[in-house]
C-alpha atoms as a PDB file:
ATOM      1  CA  MET A   1     -28.607  -1.179 -19.198  1.00  0.00           C
ATOM      2  CA  TYR A   2     -28.518  -0.954 -15.382  1.00  0.00           C
ATOM      3  CA  GLN A   3     -30.912   2.039 -15.376  1.00  0.00           C
ATOM      4  CA  GLN A   4     -33.696  -0.295 -16.499  1.00  0.00           C
ATOM      5  CA  LEU A   5     -33.313  -2.161 -13.202  1.00  0.00           C
ATOM      6  CA  GLY A   6     -33.557   0.951 -11.036  1.00  0.00           C
ATOM      7  CA  LEU A   7     -29.800   1.360 -10.629  1.00  0.00           C
ATOM      8  CA  ASP A   8     -28.051   4.709 -10.884  1.00  0.00           C
ATOM      9  CA  ARG A   9     -24.614   3.287 -11.721  1.00  0.00           C
ATOM     10  CA  ASP A  10     -22.987   0.085 -12.923  1.00  0.00           C
ATOM     11  CA  PRO A  11     -22.827  -1.986  -9.716  1.00  0.00           C
ATOM     12  CA  PHE A  12     -20.402  -4.578 -11.060  1.00  0.00           C
ATOM     13  CA  THR A  13     -17.824  -2.406 -12.788  1.00  0.00           C
ATOM     14  CA  PRO A  14     -14.378  -4.068 -12.721  1.00  0.00           C
ATOM     15  CA  GLU A  15     -12.786  -0.688 -11.956  1.00  0.00           C
ATOM     16  CA  HIS A  16     -12.167   0.015  -8.280  1.00  0.00           C
ATOM     17  CA  ASP A  17     -14.775   2.381  -6.856  1.00  0.00           C
ATOM     18  CA  SER A  18     -14.433   3.244  -3.166  1.00  0.00           C
ATOM     19  CA  ALA A  19     -18.167   3.997  -2.998  1.00  0.00           C
ATOM     20  CA  LEU A  20     -18.901   0.357  -3.904  1.00  0.00           C
ATOM     21  CA  TYR A  21     -16.197  -1.267  -1.803  1.00  0.00           C
ATOM     22  CA  ARG A  22     -17.465  -3.423   1.066  1.00  0.00           C
ATOM     23  CA  GLU A  23     -15.134  -3.755   4.030  1.00  0.00           C
ATOM     24  CA  THR A  24     -15.728  -6.526   6.566  1.00  0.00           C
ATOM     25  CA  SER A  25     -14.839  -5.994  10.216  1.00  0.00           C
ATOM     26  CA  LEU A  26     -11.800  -8.289   9.885  1.00  0.00           C
ATOM     27  CA  ARG A  27     -10.505  -6.468   6.818  1.00  0.00           C
ATOM     28  CA  ARG A  28     -11.099  -3.138   8.537  1.00  0.00           C
ATOM     29  CA  THR A  29      -8.821  -4.334  11.328  1.00  0.00           C
ATOM     30  CA  LEU A  30      -6.187  -5.444   8.803  1.00  0.00           C
ATOM     31  CA  ARG A  31      -6.469  -2.176   6.899  1.00  0.00           C
ATOM     32  CA  LYS A  32      -5.960  -0.177  10.098  1.00  0.00           C
ATOM     33  CA  TYR A  33      -2.902  -2.303  10.893  1.00  0.00           C
ATOM     34  CA  GLY A  34      -1.497  -1.684   7.410  1.00  0.00           C
ATOM     35  CA  THR A  35      -2.191   2.039   7.739  1.00  0.00           C
ATOM     36  CA  GLY A  36      -0.316   2.052  11.049  1.00  0.00           C
ATOM     37  CA  VAL A  37       2.700   0.384   9.430  1.00  0.00           C
ATOM     38  CA  LEU A  38       2.790   2.998   6.676  1.00  0.00           C
ATOM     39  CA  ASP A  39       2.165   5.893   9.067  1.00  0.00           C
ATOM     40  CA  ALA A  40       5.285   4.690  10.888  1.00  0.00           C
ATOM     41  CA  ARG A  41       7.096   4.870   7.513  1.00  0.00           C
ATOM     42  CA  GLY A  42       7.414   1.095   7.149  1.00  0.00           C
ATOM     43  CA  ASN A  43       6.936  -1.217   4.148  1.00  0.00           C
ATOM     44  CA  LEU A  44       3.941  -3.518   3.678  1.00  0.00           C
ATOM     45  CA  TRP A  45       3.448  -6.938   2.080  1.00  0.00           C
ATOM     46  CA  ILE A  46      -0.194  -7.850   1.346  1.00  0.00           C
ATOM     47  CA  GLN A  47      -0.146 -11.627   1.201  1.00  0.00           C
ATOM     48  CA  GLY A  48      -2.989 -13.746  -0.112  1.00  0.00           C
ATOM     49  CA  PRO A  49      -4.079 -15.951  -3.006  1.00  0.00           C
ATOM     50  CA  SER A  50      -5.593 -14.391  -6.123  1.00  0.00           C
ATOM     51  CA  ASN A  51      -9.133 -15.067  -4.828  1.00  0.00           C
ATOM     52  CA  SER A  52      -8.523 -13.164  -1.583  1.00  0.00           C
ATOM     53  CA  GLY A  53      -9.359  -9.728  -2.985  1.00  0.00           C
ATOM     54  CA  ARG A  54      -5.836  -8.486  -2.276  1.00  0.00           C
ATOM     55  CA  GLN A  55      -5.807  -5.956  -5.105  1.00  0.00           C
ATOM     56  CA  ALA A  56      -9.118  -4.373  -4.061  1.00  0.00           C
ATOM     57  CA  PHE A  57      -7.810  -4.262  -0.479  1.00  0.00           C
ATOM     58  CA  ALA A  58      -4.630  -2.510  -1.641  1.00  0.00           C
ATOM     59  CA  LEU A  59      -6.524  -0.041  -3.838  1.00  0.00           C
ATOM     60  CA  ASP A  60      -8.852   0.870  -0.977  1.00  0.00           C
ATOM     61  CA  LEU A  61      -5.842   1.342   1.286  1.00  0.00           C
ATOM     62  CA  ALA A  62      -4.170   3.567  -1.326  1.00  0.00           C
ATOM     63  CA  GLN A  63      -7.271   5.737  -1.760  1.00  0.00           C
ATOM     64  CA  ARG A  64      -7.658   6.215   1.987  1.00  0.00           C
ATOM     65  CA  LEU A  65      -3.990   7.146   2.386  1.00  0.00           C
ATOM     66  CA  CYS A  66      -4.237   9.551  -0.537  1.00  0.00           C
ATOM     67  CA  ALA A  67      -7.253  11.199   1.111  1.00  0.00           C
ATOM     68  CA  LYS A  68      -5.072  11.729   4.206  1.00  0.00           C
ATOM     69  CA  GLY A  69      -2.511  13.581   2.092  1.00  0.00           C
ATOM     70  CA  ARG A  70       0.071  10.832   1.500  1.00  0.00           C
ATOM     71  CA  PRO A  71       1.598  10.993  -2.017  1.00  0.00           C
ATOM     72  CA  ILE A  72       0.761   7.734  -3.807  1.00  0.00           C
ATOM     73  CA  LEU A  73       2.979   6.419  -6.596  1.00  0.00           C
ATOM     74  CA  THR A  74       2.469   3.392  -8.817  1.00  0.00           C
ATOM     75  CA  LEU A  75       4.965   1.509 -10.919  1.00  0.00           C
ATOM     76  CA  LYS A  76       3.837  -0.070 -14.194  1.00  0.00           C
ATOM     77  CA  ALA A  77       7.029  -0.221 -16.244  1.00  0.00           C
ATOM     78  CA  PRO A  78      10.636   0.946 -15.986  1.00  0.00           C
ATOM     79  CA  ILE A  79      11.314   4.334 -17.591  1.00  0.00           C
ATOM     80  CA  SER A  80      14.644   4.924 -19.272  1.00  0.00           C
ATOM     81  CA  VAL A  81      15.992   8.468 -18.924  1.00  0.00           C
ATOM     82  CA  GLY A  82      19.275   7.926 -20.730  1.00  0.00           C
ATOM     83  CA  ALA A  83      22.613   9.245 -19.533  1.00  0.00           C
ATOM     84  CA  HIS A  84      21.414  12.654 -18.362  1.00  0.00           C
ATOM     85  CA  GLY A  85      19.894  13.602 -15.046  1.00  0.00           C
ATOM     86  CA  PHE A  86      16.221  14.276 -14.438  1.00  0.00           C
ATOM     87  CA  MET A  87      16.656  18.045 -14.031  1.00  0.00           C
ATOM     88  CA  ASP A  88      18.724  18.342 -17.215  1.00  0.00           C
ATOM     89  CA  GLN A  89      16.145  16.432 -19.214  1.00  0.00           C
ATOM     90  CA  LEU A  90      13.416  18.630 -17.805  1.00  0.00           C
ATOM     91  CA  GLY A  91      15.327  21.724 -18.891  1.00  0.00           C
ATOM     92  CA  ARG A  92      15.683  20.422 -22.445  1.00  0.00           C
ATOM     93  CA  LEU A  93      11.992  19.588 -22.594  1.00  0.00           C
ATOM     94  CA  LEU A  94      11.182  23.199 -21.696  1.00  0.00           C
ATOM     95  CA  GLY A  95      13.535  24.601 -24.319  1.00  0.00           C
ATOM     96  CA  ALA A  96      16.558  25.469 -22.212  1.00  0.00           C
ATOM     97  CA  ASN A  97      19.962  25.218 -23.886  1.00  0.00           C
ATOM     98  CA  ALA A  98      23.556  26.158 -23.286  1.00  0.00           C
ATOM     99  CA  ASP A  99      22.578  29.838 -23.341  1.00  0.00           C
ATOM    100  CA  GLY A 100      19.630  29.367 -21.003  1.00  0.00           C
ATOM    101  CA  GLN A 101      21.233  28.443 -17.700  1.00  0.00           C
ATOM    102  CA  GLY A 102      18.953  30.836 -15.842  1.00  0.00           C
ATOM    103  CA  VAL A 103      15.939  28.844 -17.001  1.00  0.00           C
ATOM    104  CA  VAL A 104      17.589  25.620 -15.893  1.00  0.00           C
ATOM    105  CA  GLU A 105      18.382  27.036 -12.450  1.00  0.00           C
ATOM    106  CA  SER A 106      14.783  28.220 -12.030  1.00  0.00           C
ATOM    107  CA  ILE A 107      13.536  24.777 -12.955  1.00  0.00           C
ATOM    108  CA  ARG A 108      15.930  23.206 -10.468  1.00  0.00           C
ATOM    109  CA  GLY A 109      14.615  25.415  -7.690  1.00  0.00           C
ATOM    110  CA  VAL A 110      10.966  24.724  -8.449  1.00  0.00           C
ATOM    111  CA  TYR A 111      11.400  20.979  -8.697  1.00  0.00           C
ATOM    112  CA  ALA A 112      13.720  20.766  -5.714  1.00  0.00           C
ATOM    113  CA  GLY A 113      10.886  22.340  -3.695  1.00  0.00           C
ATOM    114  CA  LEU A 114       8.341  19.947  -5.146  1.00  0.00           C
ATOM    115  CA  LEU A 115      10.513  16.915  -4.464  1.00  0.00           C
ATOM    116  CA  ASP A 116      11.199  18.101  -0.922  1.00  0.00           C
ATOM    117  CA  GLY A 117       7.465  18.454  -0.315  1.00  0.00           C
ATOM    118  CA  LEU A 118       6.863  15.032  -1.810  1.00  0.00           C
ATOM    119  CA  TRP A 119       9.419  13.424   0.497  1.00  0.00           C
ATOM    120  CA  ARG A 120       8.110  15.185   3.606  1.00  0.00           C
ATOM    121  CA  GLY A 121       4.605  13.954   2.733  1.00  0.00           C
ATOM    122  CA  GLY A 122       5.806  10.352   2.961  1.00  0.00           C
ATOM    123  CA  PRO A 123       5.430   8.951  -0.586  1.00  0.00           C
ATOM    124  CA  ILE A 124       4.240   5.365  -0.917  1.00  0.00           C
ATOM    125  CA  LEU A 125       5.014   3.203  -3.946  1.00  0.00           C
ATOM    126  CA  PHE A 126       2.300   0.607  -4.683  1.00  0.00           C
ATOM    127  CA  LEU A 127       3.154  -2.409  -6.854  1.00  0.00           C
ATOM    128  CA  LEU A 128      -0.155  -4.205  -7.376  1.00  0.00           C
ATOM    129  CA  ASP A 129       0.085  -7.828  -8.489  1.00  0.00           C
ATOM    130  CA  PRO A 130       3.185  -7.346 -10.644  1.00  0.00           C
ATOM    131  CA  ASP A 131       4.515 -10.132 -12.842  1.00  0.00           C
ATOM    132  CA  PRO A 132       7.132 -12.276 -11.104  1.00  0.00           C
ATOM    133  CA  LEU A 133       9.992  -9.911 -10.351  1.00  0.00           C
ATOM    134  CA  SER A 134      13.447 -10.652 -11.671  1.00  0.00           C
ATOM    135  CA  PRO A 135      16.325 -10.802  -9.175  1.00  0.00           C
ATOM    136  CA  GLU A 136      17.633  -7.540 -10.646  1.00  0.00           C
ATOM    137  CA  VAL A 137      14.347  -5.731  -9.998  1.00  0.00           C
ATOM    138  CA  VAL A 138      14.140  -7.118  -6.449  1.00  0.00           C
ATOM    139  CA  GLU A 139      17.683  -5.882  -5.832  1.00  0.00           C
ATOM    140  CA  GLU A 140      16.810  -2.400  -7.118  1.00  0.00           C
ATOM    141  CA  LEU A 141      13.692  -2.273  -4.941  1.00  0.00           C
ATOM    142  CA  SER A 142      15.753  -3.411  -1.949  1.00  0.00           C
ATOM    143  CA  ILE A 143      18.161  -0.536  -2.508  1.00  0.00           C
ATOM    144  CA  LEU A 144      15.266   1.903  -2.898  1.00  0.00           C
ATOM    145  CA  ALA A 145      13.663   0.674   0.330  1.00  0.00           C
ATOM    146  CA  LYS A 146      16.878   1.385   2.256  1.00  0.00           C
ATOM    147  CA  LEU A 147      17.387   4.957   1.038  1.00  0.00           C
ATOM    148  CA  THR A 148      16.815   7.606   3.692  1.00  0.00           C
ATOM    149  CA  VAL A 149      16.819  11.397   3.827  1.00  0.00           C
ATOM    150  CA  LEU A 150      17.468  12.996   7.218  1.00  0.00           C
ATOM    151  CA  GLY A 151      16.697   9.702   8.893  1.00  0.00           C
ATOM    152  CA  LEU A 152      13.373   9.074   7.126  1.00  0.00           C
ATOM    153  CA  PRO A 153      12.759   6.659   4.227  1.00  0.00           C
ATOM    154  CA  LEU A 154      12.826   8.206   0.779  1.00  0.00           C
ATOM    155  CA  VAL A 155       9.771   6.118  -0.082  1.00  0.00           C
ATOM    156  CA  ASN A 156       7.704   3.325   1.466  1.00  0.00           C
ATOM    157  CA  ILE A 157       6.768   0.281  -0.597  1.00  0.00           C
ATOM    158  CA  VAL A 158       3.545  -1.741  -0.691  1.00  0.00           C
ATOM    159  CA  MET A 159       3.453  -5.001  -2.645  1.00  0.00           C
ATOM    160  CA  CYS A 160       0.908  -7.810  -3.153  1.00  0.00           C
ATOM    161  CA  GLY A 161       1.419 -11.481  -3.805  1.00  0.00           C
ATOM    162  CA  VAL A 162       1.787 -14.956  -2.357  1.00  0.00           C
ATOM    163  CA  GLY A 163       4.525 -16.470  -0.252  1.00  0.00           C
ATOM    164  CA  GLN A 164       7.164 -14.638   1.713  1.00  0.00           C
ATOM    165  CA  PRO A 165       7.823 -10.894   1.371  1.00  0.00           C
ATOM    166  CA  PRO A 166      10.305 -10.186  -1.441  1.00  0.00           C
ATOM    167  CA  LEU A 167      12.065  -7.438   0.532  1.00  0.00           C
ATOM    168  CA  GLU A 168      13.617  -7.320   3.983  1.00  0.00           C
ATOM    169  CA  ARG A 169      11.810  -5.614   6.851  1.00  0.00           C
ATOM    170  CA  MET A 170       8.321  -5.761   5.349  1.00  0.00           C
ATOM    171  CA  GLU A 171       5.351  -6.099   7.682  1.00  0.00           C
ATOM    172  CA  THR A 172       2.726  -8.565   6.454  1.00  0.00           C
ATOM    173  CA  VAL A 173      -1.055  -8.386   6.151  1.00  0.00           C
ATOM    174  CA  MET A 174      -2.427 -11.877   5.490  1.00  0.00           C
ATOM    175  CA  LEU A 175      -5.686 -12.170   3.551  1.00  0.00           C
ATOM    176  CA  ALA A 176      -7.621 -15.442   3.408  1.00  0.00           C
ATOM    177  CA  PRO A 177      -9.704 -16.488   0.377  1.00  0.00           C
ATOM    178  CA  LEU A 178     -13.157 -14.926   0.450  1.00  0.00           C
ATOM    179  CA  GLU A 179     -15.943 -17.357   1.323  1.00  0.00           C
ATOM    180  CA  ASP A 180     -19.118 -17.656  -0.750  1.00  0.00           C
ATOM    181  CA  ARG A 181     -21.162 -15.685   1.794  1.00  0.00           C
ATOM    182  CA  GLU A 182     -18.593 -12.874   1.676  1.00  0.00           C
ATOM    183  CA  LEU A 183     -18.701 -12.772  -2.127  1.00  0.00           C
ATOM    184  CA  SER A 184     -22.503 -12.717  -2.020  1.00  0.00           C
ATOM    185  CA  GLY A 185     -22.327  -9.898   0.508  1.00  0.00           C
ATOM    186  CA  ILE A 186     -19.997  -7.923  -1.756  1.00  0.00           C
ATOM    187  CA  LEU A 187     -22.438  -8.222  -4.669  1.00  0.00           C
ATOM    188  CA  SER A 188     -25.423  -7.294  -2.508  1.00  0.00           C
ATOM    189  CA  HIS A 189     -23.591  -4.265  -1.098  1.00  0.00           C
ATOM    190  CA  ARG A 190     -22.787  -3.061  -4.598  1.00  0.00           C
ATOM    191  CA  LEU A 191     -26.436  -3.255  -5.591  1.00  0.00           C
ATOM    192  CA  LEU A 192     -27.415  -1.349  -2.448  1.00  0.00           C
ATOM    193  CA  MET A 193     -24.892   1.410  -3.091  1.00  0.00           C
ATOM    194  CA  SER A 194     -26.036   1.592  -6.709  1.00  0.00           C
ATOM    195  CA  GLY A 195     -29.645   2.367  -5.792  1.00  0.00           C
ATOM    196  CA  ASN A 196     -31.540  -0.931  -5.797  1.00  0.00           C
ATOM    197  CA  VAL A 197     -30.518  -3.850  -3.611  1.00  0.00           C
ATOM    198  CA  LYS A 198     -33.458  -5.859  -5.014  1.00  0.00           C
ATOM    199  CA  ALA A 199     -32.281  -5.608  -8.615  1.00  0.00           C
ATOM    200  CA  MET A 200     -31.036  -9.188  -8.244  1.00  0.00           C
ATOM    201  CA  ASP A 201     -32.523 -11.646  -5.753  1.00  0.00           C
ATOM    202  CA  LYS A 202     -30.547 -13.249  -2.948  1.00  0.00           C
ATOM    203  CA  GLU A 203     -30.657 -16.763  -4.426  1.00  0.00           C
ATOM    204  CA  LYS A 204     -29.139 -15.552  -7.683  1.00  0.00           C
ATOM    205  CA  LEU A 205     -26.365 -13.735  -5.849  1.00  0.00           C
ATOM    206  CA  GLU A 206     -25.585 -16.826  -3.802  1.00  0.00           C
ATOM    207  CA  LEU A 207     -25.463 -18.971  -6.947  1.00  0.00           C
ATOM    208  CA  ILE A 208     -23.031 -16.544  -8.606  1.00  0.00           C
ATOM    209  CA  ALA A 209     -20.866 -16.516  -5.479  1.00  0.00           C
ATOM    210  CA  SER A 210     -20.750 -20.320  -5.375  1.00  0.00           C
ATOM    211  CA  ARG A 211     -19.510 -20.470  -8.975  1.00  0.00           C
ATOM    212  CA  ALA A 212     -17.016 -17.602  -8.781  1.00  0.00           C
ATOM    213  CA  VAL A 213     -13.306 -17.901  -8.091  1.00  0.00           C
ATOM    214  CA  GLY A 214     -12.643 -14.725  -6.148  1.00  0.00           C
ATOM    215  CA  PRO A 215     -14.207 -11.259  -6.267  1.00  0.00           C
ATOM    216  CA  ALA A 216     -13.062 -10.312  -9.777  1.00  0.00           C
ATOM    217  CA  ASP A 217     -14.714 -13.435 -11.210  1.00  0.00           C
ATOM    218  CA  ALA A 218     -17.855 -12.785  -9.124  1.00  0.00           C
ATOM    219  CA  LEU A 219     -18.152  -9.273 -10.573  1.00  0.00           C
ATOM    220  CA  LYS A 220     -17.719 -10.627 -14.103  1.00  0.00           C
ATOM    221  CA  LEU A 221     -20.411 -13.289 -13.641  1.00  0.00           C
ATOM    222  CA  ALA A 222     -22.788 -10.813 -11.968  1.00  0.00           C
ATOM    223  CA  ALA A 223     -22.295  -8.317 -14.807  1.00  0.00           C
ATOM    224  CA  LEU A 224     -23.171 -11.016 -17.357  1.00  0.00           C
ATOM    225  CA  GLU A 225     -26.316 -11.935 -15.403  1.00  0.00           C
ATOM    226  CA  LEU A 226     -27.297  -8.275 -15.113  1.00  0.00           C
ATOM    227  CA  GLY A 227     -26.951  -7.951 -18.880  1.00  0.00           C
ATOM    228  CA  ARG A 228     -29.307 -10.875 -19.405  1.00  0.00           C
ATOM    229  CA  MET A 229     -31.875  -9.375 -17.045  1.00  0.00           C
ATOM    230  CA  ALA A 230     -31.893  -5.891 -18.606  1.00  0.00           C
END
């Protein structure tokens, strides 16, 4: 569809693509501040309404940190491991049994090294726009945030949402709602990076931006318009 308009990729894909992400000077400053917090092994709260582009901001931050070598973790759902420890379960998965203690010990050594390397790399847990957290989950995250190994945090936590930070000692990045001109600029930038900034005229982009509620809605409306044009 988009090839017919001189584009070499889908400019309005809902999936995060760092090549299409447009960063304003203000958000660059906020991103650098957030990076500094995490480099200092702190926790970060990205605060802003749903039309502020907070998830795209967090995803861009995660990709940049990953490119610097920081281990990035995400949490989608709790995982039950039963009554046995992680290493024991791993041994059973690989076929170790009561007569295979040597296998289990080898596995322990390998994974102890991997986990040590993960910790020294400064893992960061991103929770992007989770459903409202129960008090029990907040308590578990609070405990996790306080765990240290040799004086350094076991993991740093980044969360997005509105209101006050859910955990203690979280630094805050505050994002304002994106204005129409910023939304229009995002759409125009995506067309430029996709090979043809003139695939959709400025007036049409401005109209889409004026009707959209946040960047995700703007991308959806622009994709529908692009489909009509092709």
